[in-house]
Amino acid sequence: MAKLTKEDFISSLKEMNLLEIKELVDAMKEEFGVDPSAVAVAAPVAGGDAASSEPSVVTVSIADPGAGKVAVIKVVKEITGLGLKESKDIVDQNGVVKENIPVDEANEIKAKLEEAGATVEVK
């Protein structure tokens, strides 16, 4: 079997949706006994700028879907690329829509979700 290069691996990740990436992380935990997401979270802290008051990456989550829940589910589906059931689960659980994204992208997502009637948190 040919060795997978770093560029090929990253290219493959870009083509995956959030559910597929989660399944990959779970499989890596099981196979290697390590949590790759813990390494990814720890890396920015080590190289981060302590003087910066605003984070460069944020997480967008739903605080309350509001009365237009169906419209919010459709927007979540569009944003994440997930299926209808997975998108509904995110909305029902007031879950995370996208993690570790630039502030500009987070603001765009927040605007779309609020337009659909949701209350959104950006952390």
N, C-alpha and C. Protein backbone atom coordinates (compact mmCIF):
# COMPACT_ATOMS: atom_id res chain seq x y z
N MET A 1 0.84 -1.18 0.00
CA MET A 1 0.00 0.00 0.00
C MET A 1 0.88 1.24 0.00
N ALA A 2 0.55 2.19 -0.85
CA ALA A 2 1.33 3.42 -0.96
C ALA A 2 1.11 4.28 0.27
N LYS A 3 2.17 4.97 0.68
CA LYS A 3 2.09 5.85 1.84
C LYS A 3 1.28 7.09 1.48
N LEU A 4 0.37 7.45 2.35
CA LEU A 4 -0.48 8.62 2.16
C LEU A 4 0.29 9.86 2.61
N THR A 5 0.42 10.83 1.72
CA THR A 5 1.16 12.04 2.07
C THR A 5 0.27 12.97 2.91
N LYS A 6 0.92 13.90 3.58
CA LYS A 6 0.20 14.88 4.40
C LYS A 6 -0.78 15.67 3.54
N GLU A 7 -0.36 16.06 2.34
CA GLU A 7 -1.21 16.84 1.44
C GLU A 7 -2.43 16.03 1.01
N ASP A 8 -2.24 14.74 0.71
CA ASP A 8 -3.35 13.88 0.32
C ASP A 8 -4.35 13.73 1.46
N PHE A 9 -3.82 13.56 2.67
CA PHE A 9 -4.67 13.41 3.84
C PHE A 9 -5.51 14.67 4.08
N ILE A 10 -4.88 15.82 4.01
CA ILE A 10 -5.59 17.09 4.22
C ILE A 10 -6.63 17.29 3.11
N SER A 11 -6.27 16.96 1.89
CA SER A 11 -7.20 17.07 0.78
C SER A 11 -8.43 16.18 1.01
N SER A 12 -8.20 14.98 1.52
CA SER A 12 -9.31 14.07 1.82
C SER A 12 -10.20 14.62 2.92
N LEU A 13 -9.58 15.24 3.93
CA LEU A 13 -10.36 15.83 5.03
C LEU A 13 -11.27 16.95 4.54
N LYS A 14 -10.78 17.73 3.59
CA LYS A 14 -11.57 18.84 3.06
C LYS A 14 -12.83 18.35 2.36
N GLU A 15 -12.82 17.13 1.86
CA GLU A 15 -13.96 16.58 1.15
C GLU A 15 -14.97 15.93 2.09
N MET A 16 -14.62 15.75 3.37
CA MET A 16 -15.49 15.09 4.33
C MET A 16 -16.44 16.08 4.99
N ASN A 17 -17.61 15.56 5.41
CA ASN A 17 -18.50 16.40 6.20
C ASN A 17 -18.17 16.17 7.68
N LEU A 18 -18.82 16.92 8.57
CA LEU A 18 -18.49 16.85 10.00
C LEU A 18 -18.70 15.47 10.59
N LEU A 19 -19.74 14.78 10.18
CA LEU A 19 -20.01 13.45 10.70
C LEU A 19 -18.91 12.48 10.31
N GLU A 20 -18.45 12.55 9.08
CA GLU A 20 -17.37 11.67 8.63
C GLU A 20 -16.07 11.96 9.38
N ILE A 21 -15.78 13.22 9.64
CA ILE A 21 -14.57 13.58 10.38
C ILE A 21 -14.66 13.08 11.81
N LYS A 22 -15.85 13.20 12.42
CA LYS A 22 -16.04 12.70 13.78
C LYS A 22 -15.80 11.19 13.83
N GLU A 23 -16.32 10.46 12.84
CA GLU A 23 -16.10 9.02 12.79
C GLU A 23 -14.62 8.69 12.61
N LEU A 24 -13.90 9.49 11.84
CA LEU A 24 -12.46 9.30 11.66
C LEU A 24 -11.72 9.51 12.97
N VAL A 25 -12.07 10.56 13.70
CA VAL A 25 -11.44 10.84 15.00
C VAL A 25 -11.71 9.71 15.97
N ASP A 26 -12.95 9.22 16.00
CA ASP A 26 -13.29 8.10 16.88
C ASP A 26 -12.48 6.85 16.53
N ALA A 27 -12.32 6.60 15.25
CA ALA A 27 -11.54 5.44 14.81
C ALA A 27 -10.07 5.59 15.20
N MET A 28 -9.54 6.82 15.12
CA MET A 28 -8.14 7.05 15.52
C MET A 28 -7.97 6.84 17.02
N LYS A 29 -8.97 7.27 17.80
CA LYS A 29 -8.92 7.06 19.25
C LYS A 29 -8.86 5.57 19.55
N GLU A 30 -9.72 4.80 18.86
CA GLU A 30 -9.78 3.36 19.09
C GLU A 30 -8.51 2.66 18.63
N GLU A 31 -8.01 3.01 17.47
CA GLU A 31 -6.84 2.33 16.89
C GLU A 31 -5.55 2.66 17.63
N PHE A 32 -5.34 3.94 17.95
CA PHE A 32 -4.05 4.37 18.49
C PHE A 32 -4.10 4.72 19.98
N GLY A 33 -5.29 4.78 20.54
CA GLY A 33 -5.41 5.09 21.96
C GLY A 33 -5.11 6.54 22.31
N VAL A 34 -5.19 7.42 21.33
CA VAL A 34 -4.96 8.85 21.58
C VAL A 34 -6.12 9.64 21.00
N ASP A 35 -6.32 10.82 21.54
CA ASP A 35 -7.37 11.70 21.06
C ASP A 35 -6.73 12.79 20.19
N PRO A 36 -6.83 12.67 18.86
CA PRO A 36 -6.19 13.67 17.99
C PRO A 36 -6.77 15.06 18.17
N SER A 37 -8.01 15.18 18.63
CA SER A 37 -8.58 16.50 18.82
C SER A 37 -7.94 17.21 20.01
N ALA A 38 -7.46 16.46 20.99
CA ALA A 38 -6.77 17.08 22.13
C ALA A 38 -5.47 17.72 21.67
N VAL A 39 -4.79 17.10 20.74
CA VAL A 39 -3.55 17.65 20.20
C VAL A 39 -3.86 18.91 19.39
N ALA A 40 -4.93 18.87 18.62
CA ALA A 40 -5.31 20.01 17.79
C ALA A 40 -5.71 21.20 18.65
N VAL A 41 -6.33 20.95 19.77
CA VAL A 41 -6.73 22.03 20.66
C VAL A 41 -5.53 22.59 21.40
N ALA A 42 -4.61 21.73 21.78
CA ALA A 42 -3.44 22.17 22.55
C ALA A 42 -2.45 22.95 21.68
N ALA A 43 -2.38 22.67 20.41
CA ALA A 43 -1.39 23.30 19.55
C ALA A 43 -1.53 24.82 19.49
N PRO A 44 -2.72 25.39 19.28
CA PRO A 44 -2.81 26.85 19.23
C PRO A 44 -2.44 27.52 20.55
N VAL A 45 -2.68 26.87 21.66
CA VAL A 45 -2.34 27.46 22.95
C VAL A 45 -0.84 27.63 23.07
N ALA A 46 -0.08 26.64 22.61
CA ALA A 46 1.38 26.69 22.72
C ALA A 46 1.95 27.81 21.86
N GLY A 47 1.37 28.04 20.69
CA GLY A 47 1.92 29.05 19.79
C GLY A 47 1.10 30.31 19.74
N GLY A 48 0.08 30.42 20.59
CA GLY A 48 -0.82 31.57 20.55
C GLY A 48 -0.19 32.83 21.10
N ASP A 49 -0.75 33.96 20.74
CA ASP A 49 -0.27 35.26 21.19
C ASP A 49 -1.10 35.67 22.40
N ALA A 50 -0.47 35.75 23.56
CA ALA A 50 -1.19 36.08 24.79
C ALA A 50 -1.69 37.51 24.78
N ALA A 51 -1.09 38.39 24.00
CA ALA A 51 -1.49 39.79 23.97
C ALA A 51 -2.77 40.01 23.16
N SER A 52 -3.12 39.06 22.32
CA SER A 52 -4.31 39.20 21.49
C SER A 52 -5.57 39.08 22.34
N SER A 53 -6.44 40.10 22.27
CA SER A 53 -7.65 40.09 23.09
C SER A 53 -8.79 39.38 22.38
N GLU A 54 -8.78 39.33 21.05
CA GLU A 54 -9.82 38.67 20.29
C GLU A 54 -9.32 37.33 19.75
N PRO A 55 -10.12 36.27 19.89
CA PRO A 55 -9.67 34.99 19.36
C PRO A 55 -9.68 35.01 17.83
N SER A 56 -8.76 34.26 17.23
CA SER A 56 -8.71 34.22 15.78
C SER A 56 -9.65 33.15 15.23
N VAL A 57 -9.98 32.15 16.05
CA VAL A 57 -10.94 31.13 15.65
C VAL A 57 -12.00 31.00 16.75
N VAL A 58 -13.21 30.72 16.32
CA VAL A 58 -14.33 30.64 17.26
C VAL A 58 -15.21 29.44 16.93
N THR A 59 -16.18 29.19 17.80
CA THR A 59 -17.16 28.12 17.62
C THR A 59 -18.54 28.74 17.58
N VAL A 60 -19.35 28.30 16.62
CA VAL A 60 -20.72 28.78 16.50
C VAL A 60 -21.65 27.66 16.96
N SER A 61 -22.53 27.99 17.92
CA SER A 61 -23.50 27.01 18.39
C SER A 61 -24.86 27.67 18.52
N ILE A 62 -25.88 26.83 18.57
CA ILE A 62 -27.25 27.31 18.66
C ILE A 62 -27.65 27.37 20.13
N ALA A 63 -28.09 28.53 20.58
CA ALA A 63 -28.57 28.69 21.96
C ALA A 63 -30.06 28.34 22.03
N ASP A 64 -30.82 28.74 21.00
CA ASP A 64 -32.24 28.47 20.95
C ASP A 64 -32.69 28.51 19.49
N PRO A 65 -33.33 27.43 19.00
CA PRO A 65 -33.75 27.44 17.60
C PRO A 65 -34.90 28.39 17.31
N GLY A 66 -35.62 28.83 18.33
CA GLY A 66 -36.72 29.76 18.11
C GLY A 66 -37.93 29.08 17.50
N ALA A 67 -38.87 29.88 17.04
CA ALA A 67 -40.13 29.36 16.50
C ALA A 67 -39.95 28.75 15.11
N GLY A 68 -38.97 29.23 14.35
CA GLY A 68 -38.75 28.74 12.98
C GLY A 68 -37.76 27.60 12.95
N LYS A 69 -38.02 26.57 13.72
CA LYS A 69 -37.08 25.45 13.86
C LYS A 69 -36.76 24.77 12.52
N VAL A 70 -37.77 24.59 11.69
CA VAL A 70 -37.56 23.93 10.40
C VAL A 70 -36.61 24.76 9.53
N ALA A 71 -36.79 26.06 9.53
CA ALA A 71 -35.91 26.93 8.74
C ALA A 71 -34.48 26.88 9.28
N VAL A 72 -34.34 26.80 10.59
CA VAL A 72 -33.01 26.71 11.20
C VAL A 72 -32.34 25.40 10.82
N ILE A 73 -33.11 24.30 10.83
CA ILE A 73 -32.56 22.99 10.43
C ILE A 73 -32.05 23.06 8.99
N LYS A 74 -32.81 23.70 8.11
CA LYS A 74 -32.40 23.82 6.71
C LYS A 74 -31.10 24.61 6.58
N VAL A 75 -30.97 25.68 7.35
CA VAL A 75 -29.74 26.49 7.31
C VAL A 75 -28.57 25.69 7.84
N VAL A 76 -28.76 24.96 8.94
CA VAL A 76 -27.68 24.12 9.49
C VAL A 76 -27.26 23.07 8.47
N LYS A 77 -28.22 22.47 7.80
CA LYS A 77 -27.92 21.47 6.76
C LYS A 77 -27.09 22.09 5.64
N GLU A 78 -27.46 23.30 5.23
CA GLU A 78 -26.73 24.00 4.17
C GLU A 78 -25.30 24.33 4.61
N ILE A 79 -25.14 24.81 5.84
CA ILE A 79 -23.84 25.24 6.34
C ILE A 79 -22.90 24.07 6.54
N THR A 80 -23.41 22.98 7.13
CA THR A 80 -22.54 21.86 7.51
C THR A 80 -22.37 20.82 6.42
N GLY A 81 -23.35 20.72 5.53
CA GLY A 81 -23.28 19.67 4.52
C GLY A 81 -23.75 18.33 5.06
N LEU A 82 -24.28 18.33 6.28
CA LEU A 82 -24.78 17.10 6.88
C LEU A 82 -26.16 16.77 6.33
N GLY A 83 -26.62 15.57 6.65
CA GLY A 83 -27.95 15.17 6.26
C GLY A 83 -29.01 15.84 7.11
N LEU A 84 -30.25 15.63 6.75
CA LEU A 84 -31.36 16.26 7.45
C LEU A 84 -31.44 15.81 8.91
N LYS A 85 -31.28 14.51 9.17
CA LYS A 85 -31.37 13.99 10.53
C LYS A 85 -30.25 14.55 11.41
N GLU A 86 -29.02 14.57 10.89
CA GLU A 86 -27.89 15.08 11.67
C GLU A 86 -28.08 16.57 11.96
N SER A 87 -28.58 17.30 10.98
CA SER A 87 -28.83 18.74 11.17
C SER A 87 -29.92 18.96 12.21
N LYS A 88 -30.97 18.14 12.16
CA LYS A 88 -32.05 18.24 13.14
C LYS A 88 -31.52 17.94 14.54
N ASP A 89 -30.65 16.94 14.66
CA ASP A 89 -30.06 16.60 15.96
C ASP A 89 -29.28 17.77 16.54
N ILE A 90 -28.51 18.46 15.70
CA ILE A 90 -27.75 19.63 16.15
C ILE A 90 -28.69 20.70 16.68
N VAL A 91 -29.76 20.97 15.94
CA VAL A 91 -30.71 21.99 16.35
C VAL A 91 -31.45 21.58 17.63
N ASP A 92 -31.90 20.32 17.69
CA ASP A 92 -32.63 19.84 18.86
C ASP A 92 -31.79 19.88 20.13
N GLN A 93 -30.49 19.63 20.00
CA GLN A 93 -29.61 19.57 21.17
C GLN A 93 -28.91 20.90 21.43
N ASN A 94 -29.33 21.96 20.71
CA ASN A 94 -28.63 23.25 20.81
C ASN A 94 -27.13 23.05 20.68
N GLY A 95 -26.76 22.30 19.66
CA GLY A 95 -25.38 21.89 19.48
C GLY A 95 -24.52 22.86 18.70
N VAL A 96 -23.28 22.41 18.52
CA VAL A 96 -22.28 23.19 17.79
C VAL A 96 -22.53 23.03 16.30
N VAL A 97 -22.59 24.15 15.60
CA VAL A 97 -22.78 24.13 14.15
C VAL A 97 -21.43 24.00 13.46
N LYS A 98 -20.46 24.82 13.86
CA LYS A 98 -19.10 24.75 13.32
C LYS A 98 -18.12 25.16 14.39
N GLU A 99 -16.96 24.47 14.40
CA GLU A 99 -15.92 24.74 15.38
C GLU A 99 -14.66 25.22 14.70
N ASN A 100 -13.88 25.99 15.45
CA ASN A 100 -12.55 26.43 15.01
C ASN A 100 -12.57 27.06 13.62
N ILE A 101 -13.42 28.06 13.47
CA ILE A 101 -13.53 28.76 12.19
C ILE A 101 -13.15 30.22 12.39
N PRO A 102 -12.73 30.89 11.33
CA PRO A 102 -12.38 32.31 11.44
C PRO A 102 -13.59 33.15 11.88
N VAL A 103 -13.33 34.26 12.53
CA VAL A 103 -14.38 35.13 13.06
C VAL A 103 -15.30 35.63 11.95
N ASP A 104 -14.74 35.97 10.79
CA ASP A 104 -15.55 36.46 9.68
C ASP A 104 -16.57 35.42 9.24
N GLU A 105 -16.11 34.17 9.09
CA GLU A 105 -17.02 33.09 8.69
C GLU A 105 -18.09 32.86 9.77
N ALA A 106 -17.69 32.95 11.03
CA ALA A 106 -18.63 32.77 12.14
C ALA A 106 -19.72 33.84 12.10
N ASN A 107 -19.34 35.06 11.80
CA ASN A 107 -20.32 36.14 11.73
C ASN A 107 -21.32 35.92 10.59
N GLU A 108 -20.84 35.40 9.46
CA GLU A 108 -21.73 35.10 8.33
C GLU A 108 -22.72 34.00 8.72
N ILE A 109 -22.22 32.95 9.37
CA ILE A 109 -23.07 31.84 9.80
C ILE A 109 -24.09 32.33 10.82
N LYS A 110 -23.63 33.14 11.76
CA LYS A 110 -24.52 33.69 12.78
C LYS A 110 -25.65 34.48 12.13
N ALA A 111 -25.32 35.30 11.15
CA ALA A 111 -26.33 36.10 10.46
C ALA A 111 -27.37 35.22 9.77
N LYS A 112 -26.93 34.16 9.10
CA LYS A 112 -27.86 33.25 8.43
C LYS A 112 -28.79 32.57 9.43
N LEU A 113 -28.22 32.10 10.54
CA LEU A 113 -29.03 31.40 11.54
C LEU A 113 -30.01 32.35 12.22
N GLU A 114 -29.57 33.57 12.51
CA GLU A 114 -30.47 34.54 13.14
C GLU A 114 -31.58 34.96 12.19
N GLU A 115 -31.27 35.03 10.91
CA GLU A 115 -32.28 35.35 9.92
C GLU A 115 -33.36 34.27 9.88
N ALA A 116 -32.96 33.01 10.15
CA ALA A 116 -33.91 31.90 10.17
C ALA A 116 -34.67 31.85 11.49
N GLY A 117 -34.26 32.64 12.48
CA GLY A 117 -35.00 32.71 13.73
C GLY A 117 -34.30 32.15 14.94
N ALA A 118 -33.06 31.69 14.80
CA ALA A 118 -32.34 31.08 15.91
C ALA A 118 -31.60 32.14 16.73
N THR A 119 -31.35 31.79 18.00
CA THR A 119 -30.45 32.57 18.83
C THR A 119 -29.12 31.84 18.80
N VAL A 120 -28.05 32.55 18.50
CA VAL A 120 -26.75 31.92 18.24
C VAL A 120 -25.70 32.43 19.21
N GLU A 121 -24.80 31.51 19.62
CA GLU A 121 -23.66 31.88 20.46
C GLU A 121 -22.39 31.71 19.65
N VAL A 122 -21.51 32.69 19.74
CA VAL A 122 -20.19 32.60 19.11
C VAL A 122 -19.18 32.69 20.24
N LYS A 123 -18.42 31.63 20.42
CA LYS A 123 -17.44 31.57 21.53
C LYS A 123 -16.05 31.40 20.96
